[in-house]
């Protein structure tokens, strides 16, 4: 089976193909309304989700398929049943593909192999979240009137990814995706929230503060700023003293947003901690693409289904 597990493993051509499909589907969704006719999709969400789960459900519906939705907390897994036994039980109801979100990195690789099903990663631990990277690139291309059919469409664009890089699967997928498409990516985070080994991301730049002269210059030159959620639930120890201090040094405050050029745009994968990593006024500003990201999530996930089933036809 060929699966959509990581952006890292996609070539630039494959990545642009998924994005091209996303735009084709958005332009004419009715043309694809029978893509999953007769297909039943297992949406296996062991970890909590709002946007991702709802958009996958909507994507299946718009493509003419059916789905079985599973959430871990309300299942026999809470009683000690193994992951594999739970999935094998559910598969007896019939499934043609697997979409999975899990708190452990690599869980979907193992499960997809064990079940021999086409699989799409809806987020695994702090490994990757490939469909989030697709919808983020789609939103930026739409904003900048760029085409996924051209090579390196983001060439010349400066994009900042700010916040909890260490725990963020969104950051990892976007780093791979944006750099494959030609963007100059700068990571901004306290040292405690930056991976110690950046060898997987050789094309990125790194800074630790935005309030230094160098940091302000980078912020002022940014074409897009992607803020990341502070993932307190993944932090067994404190990576910074207080959320107030985090906001002061690394949050996209109203004052800091004023340094951005008027054409710069702001993204956030959600859910947001308003007033911590991003101020409410910035979230709701004209420069924000956050609601556009939510809208494009459906089209990008429809493209993910179509692309994966084409791979495995």
Protein backbone atom coordinates (compact mmCIF):
# COMPACT_ATOMS: atom_id res chain seq x y z
CA UNK A 1 0.00 0.00 0.00
CA UNK A 2 1.07 3.58 -0.70
CA UNK A 3 -0.05 5.82 2.15
CA UNK A 4 -0.03 9.51 3.00
CA UNK A 5 1.91 9.33 6.26
CA UNK A 6 4.48 12.11 5.92
CA UNK A 7 5.23 15.13 3.78
CA UNK A 8 8.92 14.34 4.12
CA UNK A 9 8.55 11.22 1.97
CA UNK A 10 6.74 13.05 -0.85
CA UNK A 11 8.64 14.45 -3.79
CA UNK A 12 8.02 18.04 -4.81
CA UNK A 13 6.06 16.73 -7.81
CA UNK A 14 3.85 14.52 -5.63
CA UNK A 15 3.25 17.38 -3.23
CA UNK A 16 2.25 19.73 -6.04
CA UNK A 17 -0.04 17.00 -7.42
CA UNK A 18 -1.96 16.85 -4.12
CA UNK A 19 -2.23 20.64 -4.09
CA UNK A 20 -3.37 20.74 -7.70
CA UNK A 21 -6.07 18.18 -6.84
CA UNK A 22 -7.14 20.37 -3.91
CA UNK A 23 -7.71 23.35 -6.19
CA UNK A 24 -9.48 21.26 -8.83
CA UNK A 25 -11.86 19.87 -6.21
CA UNK A 26 -12.54 23.28 -4.69
CA UNK A 27 -13.28 24.75 -8.13
CA UNK A 28 -15.68 21.98 -9.13
CA UNK A 29 -16.60 19.71 -6.18
CA UNK A 30 -19.53 18.10 -8.01
CA UNK A 31 -17.11 16.55 -10.49
CA UNK A 32 -15.69 14.48 -7.63
CA UNK A 33 -18.93 13.67 -5.81
CA UNK A 34 -18.75 9.93 -6.67
CA UNK A 35 -15.01 9.44 -5.98
CA UNK A 36 -15.64 7.37 -2.84
CA UNK A 37 -18.93 5.83 -3.92
CA UNK A 38 -19.15 2.36 -2.39
CA UNK A 39 -16.17 3.07 -0.11
CA UNK A 40 -16.34 2.97 3.68
CA UNK A 41 -13.65 4.89 5.57
CA UNK A 42 -12.57 4.16 9.13
CA UNK A 43 -11.90 7.44 10.93
CA UNK A 44 -9.88 6.22 13.91
CA UNK A 45 -9.28 9.17 16.27
CA UNK A 46 -7.65 7.99 19.48
CA UNK A 47 -6.64 11.59 20.23
CA UNK A 48 -9.08 14.49 20.55
CA UNK A 49 -9.80 16.57 17.46
CA UNK A 50 -12.32 19.11 16.21
CA UNK A 51 -11.19 20.63 12.90
CA UNK A 52 -9.36 17.62 11.52
CA UNK A 53 -12.05 15.09 12.40
CA UNK A 54 -14.95 17.21 11.14
CA UNK A 55 -13.17 18.06 7.91
CA UNK A 56 -12.37 14.40 7.21
CA UNK A 57 -16.01 13.47 7.87
CA UNK A 58 -17.14 16.26 5.54
CA UNK A 59 -14.59 15.21 2.91
CA UNK A 60 -15.88 11.61 2.88
CA UNK A 61 -19.47 12.85 2.54
CA UNK A 62 -18.66 15.24 -0.31
CA UNK A 63 -16.84 12.44 -2.15
CA UNK A 64 -19.88 10.18 -1.91
CA UNK A 65 -18.49 7.71 0.61
CA UNK A 66 -19.51 6.52 4.06
CA UNK A 67 -17.50 6.42 7.26
CA UNK A 68 -17.27 4.73 10.62
CA UNK A 69 -16.07 7.17 13.28
CA UNK A 70 -14.17 5.97 16.32
CA UNK A 71 -12.97 7.89 19.38
CA UNK A 72 -10.67 6.15 21.84
CA UNK A 73 -12.00 7.52 25.11
CA UNK A 74 -15.46 6.01 24.59
CA UNK A 75 -14.24 2.56 23.53
CA UNK A 76 -12.99 -0.70 25.00
CA UNK A 77 -9.47 0.70 24.75
CA UNK A 78 -10.32 2.53 27.96
CA UNK A 79 -10.78 -0.94 29.50
CA UNK A 80 -7.36 -2.14 28.34
CA UNK A 81 -8.06 -3.58 24.89
CA UNK A 82 -5.05 -3.31 22.60
CA UNK A 83 -4.95 -0.92 19.67
CA UNK A 84 -4.65 -3.75 17.16
CA UNK A 85 -7.51 -5.78 18.62
CA UNK A 86 -9.73 -2.71 18.67
CA UNK A 87 -9.02 -1.95 15.01
CA UNK A 88 -9.43 -5.58 13.91
CA UNK A 89 -12.82 -5.61 15.63
CA UNK A 90 -13.94 -2.41 13.89
CA UNK A 91 -12.72 -3.68 10.52
CA UNK A 92 -15.26 -6.47 10.69
CA UNK A 93 -17.87 -3.80 9.90
CA UNK A 94 -16.00 -3.18 6.64
CA UNK A 95 -13.45 -0.52 5.73
CA UNK A 96 -11.65 0.42 2.53
CA UNK A 97 -9.22 2.93 4.03
CA UNK A 98 -7.95 4.15 7.38
CA UNK A 99 -7.60 7.70 8.68
CA UNK A 100 -5.87 7.79 12.04
CA UNK A 101 -4.92 10.27 14.74
CA UNK A 102 -2.84 8.94 17.62
CA UNK A 103 -0.66 10.36 20.38
CA UNK A 104 2.23 8.03 19.50
CA UNK A 105 4.48 8.83 16.55
CA UNK A 106 4.62 5.98 14.05
CA UNK A 107 1.41 4.31 15.25
CA UNK A 108 -0.25 4.73 11.86
CA UNK A 109 2.69 3.14 9.99
CA UNK A 110 2.42 0.05 12.14
CA UNK A 111 -1.36 -0.15 12.01
CA UNK A 112 -1.61 0.44 8.25
CA UNK A 113 0.82 -2.43 7.67
CA UNK A 114 -1.02 -4.71 10.10
CA UNK A 115 -4.40 -4.02 8.47
CA UNK A 116 -3.17 -3.78 4.85
CA UNK A 117 -5.33 -0.73 4.16
CA UNK A 118 -4.63 2.57 2.36
CA UNK A 119 -3.97 5.03 5.17
CA UNK A 120 -3.91 8.77 5.76
CA UNK A 121 -2.17 10.24 8.77
CA UNK A 122 -4.38 12.70 10.68
CA UNK A 123 -1.56 13.45 13.14
CA UNK A 124 0.72 11.06 15.02
CA UNK A 125 2.40 12.21 18.21
CA UNK A 126 4.88 14.94 17.45
CA UNK A 127 5.87 13.27 14.19
CA UNK A 128 3.81 14.67 11.27
CA UNK A 129 0.41 16.00 10.22
CA UNK A 130 0.56 15.92 6.39
CA UNK A 131 -2.96 17.08 5.51
CA UNK A 132 -2.48 20.17 7.71
CA UNK A 133 0.58 21.06 5.64
CA UNK A 134 -1.46 20.58 2.44
CA UNK A 135 -4.21 22.94 3.55
CA UNK A 136 -1.68 25.49 4.82
CA UNK A 137 0.17 25.56 1.49
CA UNK A 138 -3.14 25.70 -0.34
CA UNK A 139 -4.22 28.71 1.74
CA UNK A 140 -0.96 30.54 1.03
CA UNK A 141 -1.08 29.78 -2.70
CA UNK A 142 -4.64 31.06 -2.85
CA UNK A 143 -3.67 34.25 -1.02
CA UNK A 144 -0.67 34.88 -3.26
CA UNK A 145 -2.32 33.77 -6.55
CA UNK A 146 0.27 31.03 -7.05
CA UNK A 147 -0.16 27.83 -9.02
CA UNK A 148 0.87 24.38 -7.75
CA UNK A 149 1.62 23.47 -11.37
CA UNK A 150 4.76 25.62 -11.39
CA UNK A 151 8.02 24.37 -9.88
CA UNK A 152 9.02 25.91 -6.55
CA UNK A 153 5.91 28.11 -6.30
CA UNK A 154 7.02 29.60 -2.94
CA UNK A 155 10.46 30.65 -4.19
CA UNK A 156 11.28 34.08 -2.76
CA UNK A 157 8.72 33.83 0.06
CA UNK A 158 9.89 34.18 3.67
CA UNK A 159 7.81 32.19 6.14
CA UNK A 160 8.21 32.15 9.92
CA UNK A 161 7.04 29.22 12.04
CA UNK A 162 6.83 30.40 15.63
CA UNK A 163 6.31 28.61 18.92
CA UNK A 164 6.36 25.06 20.22
CA UNK A 165 8.44 23.52 17.43
CA UNK A 166 9.62 20.65 19.63
CA UNK A 167 6.19 19.08 20.11
CA UNK A 168 4.60 20.18 16.83
CA UNK A 169 3.74 17.69 14.09
CA UNK A 170 2.26 20.66 12.20
CA UNK A 171 5.66 22.35 12.21
CA UNK A 172 7.45 19.23 10.97
CA UNK A 173 5.09 18.66 8.05
CA UNK A 174 5.10 22.34 7.11
CA UNK A 175 8.88 22.60 7.28
CA UNK A 176 9.20 19.75 4.79
CA UNK A 177 6.35 21.01 2.60
CA UNK A 178 7.23 24.68 2.47
CA UNK A 179 10.94 24.10 1.80
CA UNK A 180 10.15 21.54 -0.93
CA UNK A 181 8.06 24.25 -2.58
CA UNK A 182 10.89 26.80 -2.43
CA UNK A 183 10.11 28.89 0.65
CA UNK A 184 12.73 30.31 2.99
CA UNK A 185 11.64 29.05 6.42
CA UNK A 186 12.76 30.49 9.73
CA UNK A 187 11.93 28.74 13.01
CA UNK A 188 11.39 30.92 16.07
CA UNK A 189 11.19 29.36 19.53
CA UNK A 190 12.84 29.34 22.94
CA UNK A 191 15.75 26.91 23.04
CA UNK A 192 13.72 24.59 25.28
CA UNK A 193 11.02 24.26 22.60
CA UNK A 194 13.37 23.79 19.65
CA UNK A 195 14.47 20.26 18.66
CA UNK A 196 18.10 19.69 19.64
CA UNK A 197 18.75 17.89 16.35
CA UNK A 198 17.73 19.89 13.28
CA UNK A 199 19.56 17.67 10.81
CA UNK A 200 16.23 16.64 9.24
CA UNK A 201 15.63 20.32 8.40
CA UNK A 202 18.87 21.46 6.78
CA UNK A 203 17.23 24.27 4.82
CA UNK A 204 15.76 26.21 7.76
CA UNK A 205 17.11 29.17 9.69
CA UNK A 206 16.70 29.41 13.45
CA UNK A 207 16.32 32.33 15.83
CA UNK A 208 15.26 32.29 19.47
CA UNK A 209 13.86 35.80 19.95
CA UNK A 210 11.74 38.23 17.95
CA UNK A 211 12.48 41.27 20.10
CA UNK A 212 16.16 41.61 19.15
CA UNK A 213 17.13 43.89 16.24
CA UNK A 214 17.79 40.79 14.10
CA UNK A 215 14.50 39.21 15.13
CA UNK A 216 12.56 42.38 14.35
CA UNK A 217 14.20 42.57 10.93
CA UNK A 218 13.21 38.97 10.14
CA UNK A 219 9.64 39.61 11.33
CA UNK A 220 9.42 42.76 9.20
CA UNK A 221 10.54 40.83 6.10
CA UNK A 222 8.16 37.91 6.59
CA UNK A 223 5.53 37.15 3.96
CA UNK A 224 3.72 34.79 6.33
CA UNK A 225 3.86 34.00 10.04
CA UNK A 226 2.59 30.63 11.19
CA UNK A 227 1.92 30.58 14.92
CA UNK A 228 1.81 27.23 16.73
CA UNK A 229 -0.34 26.18 19.65
CA UNK A 230 1.46 25.87 22.96
CA UNK A 231 0.96 22.15 23.63
CA UNK A 232 0.76 22.12 27.41
CA UNK A 233 -0.77 18.62 27.42
CA UNK A 234 2.44 17.15 25.98
CA UNK A 235 4.73 18.84 28.50
CA UNK A 236 5.57 16.62 31.45
CA UNK A 237 8.00 19.25 32.69
CA UNK A 238 7.94 23.03 32.35
CA UNK A 239 9.69 24.35 29.23
CA UNK A 240 9.23 28.00 30.28
CA UNK A 241 8.32 29.73 33.57
CA UNK A 242 4.80 31.06 32.82
CA UNK A 243 2.40 31.49 29.91
CA UNK A 244 2.58 35.25 30.50
CA UNK A 245 6.33 35.17 29.92
CA UNK A 246 5.85 33.01 26.84
CA UNK A 247 3.43 35.59 25.41
CA UNK A 248 5.82 38.43 26.23
CA UNK A 249 8.76 36.92 24.34
CA UNK A 250 7.21 34.67 21.67
CA UNK A 251 3.55 35.57 21.29
CA UNK A 252 2.23 37.42 18.25
CA UNK A 253 0.99 40.42 20.18
CA UNK A 254 -0.72 43.44 18.67
CA UNK A 255 2.50 45.42 19.06
CA UNK A 256 4.59 42.73 17.40
CA UNK A 257 2.07 42.31 14.56
CA UNK A 258 2.49 46.01 13.75
CA UNK A 259 6.04 45.20 12.61
CA UNK A 260 4.67 43.01 9.82
CA UNK A 261 4.35 44.47 6.35
CA UNK A 262 0.71 45.07 5.30
CA UNK A 263 0.81 42.24 2.77
CA UNK A 264 2.01 39.65 5.29
CA UNK A 265 -0.46 36.98 6.39
CA UNK A 266 -0.95 35.10 9.65
CA UNK A 267 -1.76 31.41 10.08
CA UNK A 268 -2.55 29.16 13.03
CA UNK A 269 -3.53 25.47 12.85
CA UNK A 270 -5.83 25.71 15.87
CA UNK A 271 -7.02 25.32 18.46
CA UNK A 272 -5.68 28.65 19.63
CA UNK A 273 -4.72 29.81 23.09
CA UNK A 274 -5.92 33.36 22.59
CA UNK A 275 -3.84 35.81 24.57
CA UNK A 276 -0.92 33.38 24.84
CA UNK A 277 0.64 32.51 21.47
CA UNK A 278 -1.54 35.01 19.61
CA UNK A 279 -3.64 38.03 20.63
CA UNK A 280 -7.35 38.06 19.82
CA UNK A 281 -7.05 41.26 17.81
CA UNK A 282 -4.40 39.63 15.62
CA UNK A 283 -6.46 36.46 15.21
CA UNK A 284 -9.42 38.47 13.94
CA UNK A 285 -7.44 40.92 11.79
CA UNK A 286 -7.61 41.24 8.00
CA UNK A 287 -4.17 39.64 7.75
CA UNK A 288 -5.39 36.41 9.34
CA UNK A 289 -5.95 33.33 7.16
CA UNK A 290 -7.07 31.17 10.08
CA UNK A 291 -10.68 30.69 8.98
CA UNK A 292 -9.49 30.20 5.39
CA UNK A 293 -7.33 27.35 6.68
CA UNK A 294 -10.40 25.70 8.23
CA UNK A 295 -12.35 26.04 4.96
CA UNK A 296 -9.50 24.64 2.87
CA UNK A 297 -9.12 21.70 5.23
CA UNK A 298 -12.08 19.97 3.58
CA UNK A 299 -10.75 20.41 0.02
CA UNK A 300 -7.23 19.31 0.97
CA UNK A 301 -8.53 16.18 2.68
CA UNK A 302 -10.76 15.36 -0.27
CA UNK A 303 -7.62 15.58 -2.40
CA UNK A 304 -5.79 13.31 0.03
CA UNK A 305 -8.47 10.63 -0.38
CA UNK A 306 -8.48 10.90 -4.17
CA UNK A 307 -4.69 10.85 -4.38
CA UNK A 308 -4.27 7.86 -2.08
CA UNK A 309 -6.95 5.80 -3.83
CA UNK A 310 -5.38 6.63 -7.21
CA UNK A 311 -2.03 5.40 -5.88
CA UNK A 312 -3.59 2.12 -4.82
CA UNK A 313 -5.92 1.51 -7.76
